[in-house]
Amino acid sequence: MSCQTDGDGKCAVYVEGTSIASYPRQQLTGASYPVIEAWHEDWEGGEPHVLDVVMVPQEAGRIRMLVRVALQHSQGFMGYPVTSDLRDQQGWAVESYTLIVY
């Protein structure tokens, strides 16, 4: 699994067992599944950015992707989706997508 961002952005892949921050960043926990994070230090309003993710499945089946956005501002963090019945391992509300690998 790998990732790449555009411009001056950065991204990181955290494999199972890697320490990741839980929301609202009060403690570290070990990842129970892979996580990809991307960020831009100086993201201006109205400025689009792209994150490319590459996964190479080892077998056919279904891959569940949990997707969310978290933005940091002067008062803390805000996330999208705002509400969801699903939470990721860091405690954020997420949208779930299923990819089918043939």
PDB file of N, CA and C in Angstrom:
ATOM      1  N   MET A   1       0.850  -1.163   0.000  1.00  0.00           N
ATOM      2  CA  MET A   1       0.000   0.000   0.000  1.00  0.00           C
ATOM      3  C   MET A   1       0.898   1.228   0.000  1.00  0.00           C
ATOM      4  N   SER A   2       0.509   2.213  -0.824  1.00  0.00           N
ATOM      5  CA  SER A   2       1.290   3.442  -0.882  1.00  0.00           C
ATOM      6  C   SER A   2       0.360   4.620  -1.141  1.00  0.00           C
ATOM      7  N   CYS A   3       0.891   5.833  -0.935  1.00  0.00           N
ATOM      8  CA  CYS A   3       0.103   7.031  -1.158  1.00  0.00           C
ATOM      9  C   CYS A   3       0.988   8.138  -1.712  1.00  0.00           C
ATOM     10  N   GLN A   4       0.340   9.094  -2.361  1.00  0.00           N
ATOM     11  CA  GLN A   4       1.052  10.246  -2.907  1.00  0.00           C
ATOM     12  C   GLN A   4       0.072  11.414  -2.948  1.00  0.00           C
ATOM     13  N   THR A   5       0.556  12.613  -2.606  1.00  0.00           N
ATOM     14  CA  THR A   5      -0.280  13.806  -2.672  1.00  0.00           C
ATOM     15  C   THR A   5       0.280  14.757  -3.718  1.00  0.00           C
ATOM     16  N   ASP A   6      -0.494  15.762  -4.026  1.00  0.00           N
ATOM     17  CA  ASP A   6      -0.047  16.769  -4.971  1.00  0.00           C
ATOM     18  C   ASP A   6       0.642  17.931  -4.245  1.00  0.00           C
ATOM     19  N   GLY A   7       1.308  18.769  -4.998  1.00  0.00           N
ATOM     20  CA  GLY A   7       1.903  19.984  -4.449  1.00  0.00           C
ATOM     21  C   GLY A   7       2.818  19.727  -3.265  1.00  0.00           C
ATOM     22  N   ASP A   8       2.631  20.509  -2.215  1.00  0.00           N
ATOM     23  CA  ASP A   8       3.476  20.403  -1.024  1.00  0.00           C
ATOM     24  C   ASP A   8       2.872  19.493   0.039  1.00  0.00           C
ATOM     25  N   GLY A   9       1.888  18.690  -0.327  1.00  0.00           N
ATOM     26  CA  GLY A   9       1.246  17.798   0.627  1.00  0.00           C
ATOM     27  C   GLY A   9       2.129  16.631   1.025  1.00  0.00           C
ATOM     28  N   LYS A  10       1.737  16.003   2.118  1.00  0.00           N
ATOM     29  CA  LYS A  10       2.447  14.832   2.620  1.00  0.00           C
ATOM     30  C   LYS A  10       1.426  13.751   2.939  1.00  0.00           C
ATOM     31  N   CYS A  11       1.871  12.502   2.919  1.00  0.00           N
ATOM     32  CA  CYS A  11       0.993  11.413   3.328  1.00  0.00           C
ATOM     33  C   CYS A  11       1.827  10.322   3.976  1.00  0.00           C
ATOM     34  N   ALA A  12       1.166   9.473   4.736  1.00  0.00           N
ATOM     35  CA  ALA A  12       1.840   8.380   5.432  1.00  0.00           C
ATOM     36  C   ALA A  12       0.923   7.174   5.484  1.00  0.00           C
ATOM     37  N   VAL A  13       1.525   5.995   5.403  1.00  0.00           N
ATOM     38  CA  VAL A  13       0.804   4.733   5.551  1.00  0.00           C
ATOM     39  C   VAL A  13       1.207   4.134   6.886  1.00  0.00           C
ATOM     40  N   TYR A  14       0.223   3.820   7.712  1.00  0.00           N
ATOM     41  CA  TYR A  14       0.458   3.185   9.004  1.00  0.00           C
ATOM     42  C   TYR A  14      -0.079   1.757   8.938  1.00  0.00           C
ATOM     43  N   VAL A  15       0.780   0.786   9.097  1.00  0.00           N
ATOM     44  CA  VAL A  15       0.362  -0.613   9.020  1.00  0.00           C
ATOM     45  C   VAL A  15      -0.185  -1.073  10.366  1.00  0.00           C
ATOM     46  N   GLU A  16      -0.811  -2.220  10.350  1.00  0.00           N
ATOM     47  CA  GLU A  16      -1.371  -2.798  11.576  1.00  0.00           C
ATOM     48  C   GLU A  16      -0.304  -2.847  12.661  1.00  0.00           C
ATOM     49  N   GLY A  17      -0.659  -2.377  13.864  1.00  0.00           N
ATOM     50  CA  GLY A  17       0.261  -2.379  14.991  1.00  0.00           C
ATOM     51  C   GLY A  17       1.010  -1.077  15.201  1.00  0.00           C
ATOM     52  N   THR A  18       1.039  -0.205  14.167  1.00  0.00           N
ATOM     53  CA  THR A  18       1.703   1.087  14.279  1.00  0.00           C
ATOM     54  C   THR A  18       0.923   1.989  15.230  1.00  0.00           C
ATOM     55  N   SER A  19       1.613   2.819  15.998  1.00  0.00           N
ATOM     56  CA  SER A  19       0.940   3.768  16.894  1.00  0.00           C
ATOM     57  C   SER A  19       0.272   4.870  16.089  1.00  0.00           C
ATOM     58  N   ILE A  20      -1.009   5.099  16.373  1.00  0.00           N
ATOM     59  CA  ILE A  20      -1.772   6.177  15.751  1.00  0.00           C
ATOM     60  C   ILE A  20      -2.490   6.939  16.852  1.00  0.00           C
ATOM     61  N   ALA A  21      -2.790   8.207  16.595  1.00  0.00           N
ATOM     62  CA  ALA A  21      -3.481   9.030  17.585  1.00  0.00           C
ATOM     63  C   ALA A  21      -4.977   8.773  17.527  1.00  0.00           C
ATOM     64  N   SER A  22      -5.612   8.718  18.701  1.00  0.00           N
ATOM     65  CA  SER A  22      -7.062   8.588  18.744  1.00  0.00           C
ATOM     66  C   SER A  22      -7.679   9.976  18.903  1.00  0.00           C
ATOM     67  N   TYR A  23      -8.885  10.138  18.409  1.00  0.00           N
ATOM     68  CA  TYR A  23      -9.578  11.422  18.496  1.00  0.00           C
ATOM     69  C   TYR A  23     -10.064  11.628  19.912  1.00  0.00           C
ATOM     70  N   PRO A  24      -9.934  12.748  20.504  1.00  0.00           N
ATOM     71  CA  PRO A  24      -9.323  13.956  19.952  1.00  0.00           C
ATOM     72  C   PRO A  24      -7.831  14.075  20.300  1.00  0.00           C
ATOM     73  N   ARG A  25      -7.062  13.117  19.847  1.00  0.00           N
ATOM     74  CA  ARG A  25      -5.605  13.105  19.991  1.00  0.00           C
ATOM     75  C   ARG A  25      -5.143  13.117  21.454  1.00  0.00           C
ATOM     76  N   GLN A  26      -5.858  12.396  22.283  1.00  0.00           N
ATOM     77  CA  GLN A  26      -5.479  12.364  23.689  1.00  0.00           C
ATOM     78  C   GLN A  26      -4.608  11.168  24.036  1.00  0.00           C
ATOM     79  N   GLN A  27      -4.597  10.158  23.195  1.00  0.00           N
ATOM     80  CA  GLN A  27      -3.778   8.987  23.500  1.00  0.00           C
ATOM     81  C   GLN A  27      -3.388   8.269  22.218  1.00  0.00           C
ATOM     82  N   LEU A  28      -2.306   7.515  22.296  1.00  0.00           N
ATOM     83  CA  LEU A  28      -1.875   6.703  21.162  1.00  0.00           C
ATOM     84  C   LEU A  28      -2.427   5.302  21.316  1.00  0.00           C
ATOM     85  N   THR A  29      -2.755   4.700  20.198  1.00  0.00           N
ATOM     86  CA  THR A  29      -3.255   3.335  20.196  1.00  0.00           C
ATOM     87  C   THR A  29      -2.622   2.598  19.023  1.00  0.00           C
ATOM     88  N   GLY A  30      -2.570   1.286  19.080  1.00  0.00           N
ATOM     89  CA  GLY A  30      -2.025   0.496  17.979  1.00  0.00           C
ATOM     90  C   GLY A  30      -3.070   0.291  16.900  1.00  0.00           C
ATOM     91  N   ALA A  31      -2.718   0.562  15.664  1.00  0.00           N
ATOM     92  CA  ALA A  31      -3.655   0.404  14.553  1.00  0.00           C
ATOM     93  C   ALA A  31      -4.076  -1.061  14.428  1.00  0.00           C
ATOM     94  N   SER A  32      -5.385  -1.310  14.307  1.00  0.00           N
ATOM     95  CA  SER A  32      -5.872  -2.681  14.128  1.00  0.00           C
ATOM     96  C   SER A  32      -6.059  -3.010  12.652  1.00  0.00           C
ATOM     97  N   TYR A  33      -5.955  -2.008  11.782  1.00  0.00           N
ATOM     98  CA  TYR A  33      -5.965  -2.187  10.337  1.00  0.00           C
ATOM     99  C   TYR A  33      -5.206  -1.003   9.731  1.00  0.00           C
ATOM    100  N   PRO A  34      -4.763  -1.116   8.471  1.00  0.00           N
ATOM    101  CA  PRO A  34      -3.960  -0.040   7.867  1.00  0.00           C
ATOM    102  C   PRO A  34      -4.701   1.297   7.805  1.00  0.00           C
ATOM    103  N   VAL A  35      -3.937   2.377   7.947  1.00  0.00           N
ATOM    104  CA  VAL A  35      -4.464   3.742   7.904  1.00  0.00           C
ATOM    105  C   VAL A  35      -3.595   4.556   6.954  1.00  0.00           C
ATOM    106  N   ILE A  36      -4.229   5.372   6.136  1.00  0.00           N
ATOM    107  CA  ILE A  36      -3.498   6.325   5.299  1.00  0.00           C
ATOM    108  C   ILE A  36      -3.952   7.715   5.706  1.00  0.00           C
ATOM    109  N   GLU A  37      -2.991   8.573   6.019  1.00  0.00           N
ATOM    110  CA  GLU A  37      -3.292   9.963   6.358  1.00  0.00           C
ATOM    111  C   GLU A  37      -2.569  10.879   5.373  1.00  0.00           C
ATOM    112  N   ALA A  38      -3.228  11.960   4.997  1.00  0.00           N
ATOM    113  CA  ALA A  38      -2.618  12.964   4.118  1.00  0.00           C
ATOM    114  C   ALA A  38      -2.875  14.331   4.721  1.00  0.00           C
ATOM    115  N   TRP A  39      -1.944  15.261   4.483  1.00  0.00           N
ATOM    116  CA  TRP A  39      -2.114  16.596   5.037  1.00  0.00           C
ATOM    117  C   TRP A  39      -1.349  17.628   4.226  1.00  0.00           C
ATOM    118  N   HIS A  40      -1.822  18.857   4.348  1.00  0.00           N
ATOM    119  CA  HIS A  40      -1.177  20.033   3.771  1.00  0.00           C
ATOM    120  C   HIS A  40      -1.059  21.040   4.905  1.00  0.00           C
ATOM    121  N   GLU A  41       0.132  21.542   5.131  1.00  0.00           N
ATOM    122  CA  GLU A  41       0.366  22.473   6.239  1.00  0.00           C
ATOM    123  C   GLU A  41      -0.380  23.794   6.044  1.00  0.00           C
ATOM    124  N   ASP A  42      -0.368  24.333   4.847  1.00  0.00           N
ATOM    125  CA  ASP A  42      -0.972  25.645   4.581  1.00  0.00           C
ATOM    126  C   ASP A  42      -2.026  25.533   3.495  1.00  0.00           C
ATOM    127  N   TRP A  43      -3.130  24.879   3.807  1.00  0.00           N
ATOM    128  CA  TRP A  43      -4.192  24.664   2.833  1.00  0.00           C
ATOM    129  C   TRP A  43      -5.116  25.875   2.849  1.00  0.00           C
ATOM    130  N   GLU A  44      -5.113  26.618   1.764  1.00  0.00           N
ATOM    131  CA  GLU A  44      -5.954  27.805   1.640  1.00  0.00           C
ATOM    132  C   GLU A  44      -7.376  27.412   1.238  1.00  0.00           C
ATOM    133  N   GLY A  45      -8.359  28.180   1.681  1.00  0.00           N
ATOM    134  CA  GLY A  45      -9.749  27.940   1.309  1.00  0.00           C
ATOM    135  C   GLY A  45      -9.931  27.961  -0.195  1.00  0.00           C
ATOM    136  N   GLY A  46     -10.734  27.050  -0.731  1.00  0.00           N
ATOM    137  CA  GLY A  46     -11.001  26.981  -2.156  1.00  0.00           C
ATOM    138  C   GLY A  46      -9.910  26.319  -2.977  1.00  0.00           C
ATOM    139  N   GLU A  47      -8.860  25.864  -2.321  1.00  0.00           N
ATOM    140  CA  GLU A  47      -7.722  25.247  -3.015  1.00  0.00           C
ATOM    141  C   GLU A  47      -7.900  23.728  -3.044  1.00  0.00           C
ATOM    142  N   PRO A  48      -8.021  23.108  -4.243  1.00  0.00           N
ATOM    143  CA  PRO A  48      -8.200  21.646  -4.308  1.00  0.00           C
ATOM    144  C   PRO A  48      -6.872  20.908  -4.132  1.00  0.00           C
ATOM    145  N   HIS A  49      -6.940  19.720  -3.566  1.00  0.00           N
ATOM    146  CA  HIS A  49      -5.778  18.842  -3.431  1.00  0.00           C
ATOM    147  C   HIS A  49      -6.189  17.420  -3.755  1.00  0.00           C
ATOM    148  N   VAL A  50      -5.210  16.588  -4.124  1.00  0.00           N
ATOM    149  CA  VAL A  50      -5.467  15.220  -4.556  1.00  0.00           C
ATOM    150  C   VAL A  50      -4.640  14.252  -3.718  1.00  0.00           C
ATOM    151  N   LEU A  51      -5.253  13.128  -3.349  1.00  0.00           N
ATOM    152  CA  LEU A  51      -4.563  12.032  -2.671  1.00  0.00           C
ATOM    153  C   LEU A  51      -4.723  10.796  -3.543  1.00  0.00           C
ATOM    154  N   ASP A  52      -3.606  10.197  -3.948  1.00  0.00           N
ATOM    155  CA  ASP A  52      -3.625   8.946  -4.711  1.00  0.00           C
ATOM    156  C   ASP A  52      -3.224   7.814  -3.777  1.00  0.00           C
ATOM    157  N   VAL A  53      -4.005   6.747  -3.783  1.00  0.00           N
ATOM    158  CA  VAL A  53      -3.731   5.575  -2.952  1.00  0.00           C
ATOM    159  C   VAL A  53      -3.605   4.362  -3.855  1.00  0.00           C
ATOM    160  N   VAL A  54      -2.583   3.538  -3.629  1.00  0.00           N
ATOM    161  CA  VAL A  54      -2.381   2.318  -4.403  1.00  0.00           C
ATOM    162  C   VAL A  54      -2.417   1.133  -3.443  1.00  0.00           C
ATOM    163  N   MET A  55      -3.312   0.184  -3.737  1.00  0.00           N
ATOM    164  CA  MET A  55      -3.391  -1.064  -2.973  1.00  0.00           C
ATOM    165  C   MET A  55      -3.242  -2.208  -3.960  1.00  0.00           C
ATOM    166  N   VAL A  56      -2.527  -3.253  -3.577  1.00  0.00           N
ATOM    167  CA  VAL A  56      -2.361  -4.430  -4.423  1.00  0.00           C
ATOM    168  C   VAL A  56      -2.894  -5.635  -3.638  1.00  0.00           C
ATOM    169  N   PRO A  57      -4.175  -5.977  -3.839  1.00  0.00           N
ATOM    170  CA  PRO A  57      -4.768  -7.118  -3.123  1.00  0.00           C
ATOM    171  C   PRO A  57      -4.072  -8.419  -3.505  1.00  0.00           C
ATOM    172  N   GLN A  58      -3.951  -9.309  -2.554  1.00  0.00           N
ATOM    173  CA  GLN A  58      -3.312 -10.602  -2.783  1.00  0.00           C
ATOM    174  C   GLN A  58      -4.309 -11.670  -3.237  1.00  0.00           C
ATOM    175  N   GLU A  59      -5.601 -11.379  -3.105  1.00  0.00           N
ATOM    176  CA  GLU A  59      -6.618 -12.355  -3.498  1.00  0.00           C
ATOM    177  C   GLU A  59      -7.928 -11.641  -3.811  1.00  0.00           C
ATOM    178  N   ALA A  60      -8.825 -12.339  -4.505  1.00  0.00           N
ATOM    179  CA  ALA A  60     -10.137 -11.791  -4.828  1.00  0.00           C
ATOM    180  C   ALA A  60     -10.971 -11.691  -3.556  1.00  0.00           C
ATOM    181  N   GLY A  61     -11.908 -10.783  -3.549  1.00  0.00           N
ATOM    182  CA  GLY A  61     -12.785 -10.620  -2.391  1.00  0.00           C
ATOM    183  C   GLY A  61     -13.244  -9.178  -2.261  1.00  0.00           C
ATOM    184  N   ARG A  62     -13.636  -8.820  -1.071  1.00  0.00           N
ATOM    185  CA  ARG A  62     -14.129  -7.474  -0.792  1.00  0.00           C
ATOM    186  C   ARG A  62     -13.156  -6.743   0.126  1.00  0.00           C
ATOM    187  N   ILE A  63     -12.969  -5.468  -0.167  1.00  0.00           N
ATOM    188  CA  ILE A  63     -12.158  -4.608   0.687  1.00  0.00           C
ATOM    189  C   ILE A  63     -13.055  -3.479   1.162  1.00  0.00           C
ATOM    190  N   ARG A  64     -13.154  -3.318   2.463  1.00  0.00           N
ATOM    191  CA  ARG A  64     -13.965  -2.244   3.031  1.00  0.00           C
ATOM    192  C   ARG A  64     -13.062  -1.049   3.316  1.00  0.00           C
ATOM    193  N   MET A  65     -13.451   0.105   2.780  1.00  0.00           N
ATOM    194  CA  MET A  65     -12.707   1.343   3.019  1.00  0.00           C
ATOM    195  C   MET A  65     -13.556   2.272   3.870  1.00  0.00           C
ATOM    196  N   LEU A  66     -12.986   2.743   4.957  1.00  0.00           N
ATOM    197  CA  LEU A  66     -13.631   3.742   5.799  1.00  0.00           C
ATOM    198  C   LEU A  66     -12.998   5.084   5.461  1.00  0.00           C
ATOM    199  N   VAL A  67     -13.820   6.057   5.078  1.00  0.00           N
ATOM    200  CA  VAL A  67     -13.317   7.336   4.582  1.00  0.00           C
ATOM    201  C   VAL A  67     -13.863   8.473   5.431  1.00  0.00           C
ATOM    202  N   ARG A  68     -12.972   9.447   5.740  1.00  0.00           N
ATOM    203  CA  ARG A  68     -13.381  10.644   6.468  1.00  0.00           C
ATOM    204  C   ARG A  68     -12.371  11.744   6.220  1.00  0.00           C
ATOM    205  N   VAL A  69     -12.777  12.938   6.557  1.00  0.00           N
ATOM    206  CA  VAL A  69     -11.910  14.108   6.471  1.00  0.00           C
ATOM    207  C   VAL A  69     -11.886  14.755   7.839  1.00  0.00           C
ATOM    208  N   ALA A  70     -10.706  15.131   8.300  1.00  0.00           N
ATOM    209  CA  ALA A  70     -10.565  15.870   9.558  1.00  0.00           C
ATOM    210  C   ALA A  70      -9.714  17.102   9.273  1.00  0.00           C
ATOM    211  N   LEU A  71     -10.228  18.248   9.622  1.00  0.00           N
ATOM    212  CA  LEU A  71      -9.521  19.502   9.402  1.00  0.00           C
ATOM    213  C   LEU A  71      -9.218  20.154  10.742  1.00  0.00           C
ATOM    214  N   GLN A  72      -8.001  20.621  10.886  1.00  0.00           N
ATOM    215  CA  GLN A  72      -7.597  21.301  12.114  1.00  0.00           C
ATOM    216  C   GLN A  72      -7.705  22.803  11.905  1.00  0.00           C
ATOM    217  N   HIS A  73      -8.257  23.485  12.895  1.00  0.00           N
ATOM    218  CA  HIS A  73      -8.334  24.942  12.858  1.00  0.00           C
ATOM    219  C   HIS A  73      -7.954  25.474  14.234  1.00  0.00           C
ATOM    220  N   SER A  74      -8.027  26.767  14.421  1.00  0.00           N
ATOM    221  CA  SER A  74      -7.529  27.370  15.664  1.00  0.00           C
ATOM    222  C   SER A  74      -8.255  26.884  16.912  1.00  0.00           C
ATOM    223  N   GLN A  75      -9.501  26.441  16.799  1.00  0.00           N
ATOM    224  CA  GLN A  75     -10.252  25.958  17.959  1.00  0.00           C
ATOM    225  C   GLN A  75     -10.228  24.437  18.113  1.00  0.00           C
ATOM    226  N   GLY A  76      -9.533  23.732  17.256  1.00  0.00           N
ATOM    227  CA  GLY A  76      -9.480  22.272  17.373  1.00  0.00           C
ATOM    228  C   GLY A  76      -9.636  21.592  16.036  1.00  0.00           C
ATOM    229  N   PHE A  77     -10.533  20.590  15.982  1.00  0.00           N
ATOM    230  CA  PHE A  77     -10.732  19.799  14.772  1.00  0.00           C
ATOM    231  C   PHE A  77     -12.205  19.788  14.387  1.00  0.00           C
ATOM    232  N   MET A  78     -12.456  19.605  13.106  1.00  0.00           N
ATOM    233  CA  MET A  78     -13.807  19.331  12.619  1.00  0.00           C
ATOM    234  C   MET A  78     -13.699  18.209  11.604  1.00  0.00           C
ATOM    235  N   GLY A  79     -14.719  17.385  11.518  1.00  0.00           N
ATOM    236  CA  GLY A  79     -14.649  16.232  10.634  1.00  0.00           C
ATOM    237  C   GLY A  79     -15.840  16.122   9.713  1.00  0.00           C
ATOM    238  N   TYR A  80     -15.649  15.369   8.628  1.00  0.00           N
ATOM    239  CA  TYR A  80     -16.730  15.003   7.723  1.00  0.00           C
ATOM    240  C   TYR A  80     -16.616  13.520   7.434  1.00  0.00           C
ATOM    241  N   PRO A  81     -17.660  12.755   7.553  1.00  0.00           N
ATOM    242  CA  PRO A  81     -19.012  13.187   7.872  1.00  0.00           C
ATOM    243  C   PRO A  81     -19.111  13.667   9.328  1.00  0.00           C
ATOM    244  N   VAL A  82     -20.070  14.543   9.562  1.00  0.00           N
ATOM    245  CA  VAL A  82     -20.257  15.076  10.908  1.00  0.00           C
ATOM    246  C   VAL A  82     -20.818  13.998  11.826  1.00  0.00           C
ATOM    247  N   THR A  83     -21.774  13.237  11.320  1.00  0.00           N
ATOM    248  CA  THR A  83     -22.358  12.146  12.101  1.00  0.00           C
ATOM    249  C   THR A  83     -22.390  10.879  11.254  1.00  0.00           C
ATOM    250  N   SER A  84     -22.343   9.745  11.925  1.00  0.00           N
ATOM    251  CA  SER A  84     -22.399   8.446  11.256  1.00  0.00           C
ATOM    252  C   SER A  84     -22.608   7.382  12.322  1.00  0.00           C
ATOM    253  N   ASP A  85     -23.243   6.285  11.936  1.00  0.00           N
ATOM    254  CA  ASP A  85     -23.359   5.151  12.849  1.00  0.00           C
ATOM    255  C   ASP A  85     -22.035   4.406  12.957  1.00  0.00           C
ATOM    256  N   LEU A  86     -21.120   4.661  12.010  1.00  0.00           N
ATOM    257  CA  LEU A  86     -19.817   3.994  11.996  1.00  0.00           C
ATOM    258  C   LEU A  86     -18.727   4.924  12.501  1.00  0.00           C
ATOM    259  N   ARG A  87     -17.766   4.354  13.214  1.00  0.00           N
ATOM    260  CA  ARG A  87     -16.589   5.086  13.693  1.00  0.00           C
ATOM    261  C   ARG A  87     -15.353   4.320  13.266  1.00  0.00           C
ATOM    262  N   ASP A  88     -14.278   5.050  12.960  1.00  0.00           N
ATOM    263  CA  ASP A  88     -13.028   4.367  12.661  1.00  0.00           C
ATOM    264  C   ASP A  88     -12.282   4.085  13.955  1.00  0.00           C
ATOM    265  N   GLN A  89     -11.135   3.460  13.860  1.00  0.00           N
ATOM    266  CA  GLN A  89     -10.382   3.067  15.052  1.00  0.00           C
ATOM    267  C   GLN A  89      -9.814   4.261  15.811  1.00  0.00           C
ATOM    268  N   GLN A  90      -9.883   5.451  15.216  1.00  0.00           N
ATOM    269  CA  GLN A  90      -9.422   6.653  15.890  1.00  0.00           C
ATOM    270  C   GLN A  90     -10.577   7.422  16.515  1.00  0.00           C
ATOM    271  N   GLY A  91     -11.813   6.934  16.325  1.00  0.00           N
ATOM    272  CA  GLY A  91     -12.976   7.544  16.958  1.00  0.00           C
ATOM    273  C   GLY A  91     -13.760   8.522  16.093  1.00  0.00           C
ATOM    274  N   TRP A  92     -13.368   8.710  14.838  1.00  0.00           N
ATOM    275  CA  TRP A  92     -14.045   9.644  13.950  1.00  0.00           C
ATOM    276  C   TRP A  92     -15.231   8.981  13.247  1.00  0.00           C
ATOM    277  N   ALA A  93     -16.269   9.772  12.962  1.00  0.00           N
ATOM    278  CA  ALA A  93     -17.369   9.318  12.118  1.00  0.00           C
ATOM    279  C   ALA A  93     -16.827   9.080  10.710  1.00  0.00           C
ATOM    280  N   VAL A  94     -17.288   8.020  10.037  1.00  0.00           N
ATOM    281  CA  VAL A  94     -16.771   7.660   8.718  1.00  0.00           C
ATOM    282  C   VAL A  94     -17.896   7.266   7.771  1.00  0.00           C
ATOM    283  N   GLU A  95     -17.595   7.297   6.471  1.00  0.00           N
ATOM    284  CA  GLU A  95     -18.445   6.700   5.450  1.00  0.00           C
ATOM    285  C   GLU A  95     -17.767   5.410   5.021  1.00  0.00           C
ATOM    286  N   SER A  96     -18.543   4.380   4.736  1.00  0.00           N
ATOM    287  CA  SER A  96     -18.009   3.077   4.364  1.00  0.00           C
ATOM    288  C   SER A  96     -18.252   2.806   2.884  1.00  0.00           C
ATOM    289  N   TYR A  97     -17.200   2.334   2.200  1.00  0.00           N
ATOM    290  CA  TYR A  97     -17.286   1.943   0.789  1.00  0.00           C
ATOM    291  C   TYR A  97     -16.708   0.534   0.658  1.00  0.00           C
ATOM    292  N   THR A  98     -17.287  -0.261  -0.236  1.00  0.00           N
ATOM    293  CA  THR A  98     -16.782  -1.606  -0.470  1.00  0.00           C
ATOM    294  C   THR A  98     -16.254  -1.715  -1.889  1.00  0.00           C
ATOM    295  N   LEU A  99     -15.012  -2.162  -1.995  1.00  0.00           N
ATOM    296  CA  LEU A  99     -14.383  -2.418  -3.294  1.00  0.00           C
ATOM    297  C   LEU A  99     -14.407  -3.916  -3.540  1.00  0.00           C
ATOM    298  N   ILE A 100     -14.776  -4.328  -4.730  1.00  0.00           N
ATOM    299  CA  ILE A 100     -14.804  -5.751  -5.063  1.00  0.00           C
ATOM    300  C   ILE A 100     -13.589  -6.060  -5.936  1.00  0.00           C
ATOM    301  N   VAL A 101     -12.790  -7.008  -5.499  1.00  0.00           N
ATOM    302  CA  VAL A 101     -11.586  -7.419  -6.228  1.00  0.00           C
ATOM    303  C   VAL A 101     -11.876  -8.745  -6.908  1.00  0.00           C
ATOM    304  N   TYR A 102     -11.696  -8.813  -8.222  1.00  0.00           N
ATOM    305  CA  TYR A 102     -11.968 -10.041  -8.984  1.00  0.00           C
ATOM    306  C   TYR A 102     -10.686 -10.790  -9.252  1.00  0.00           C
TER     307      TYR A 102
END
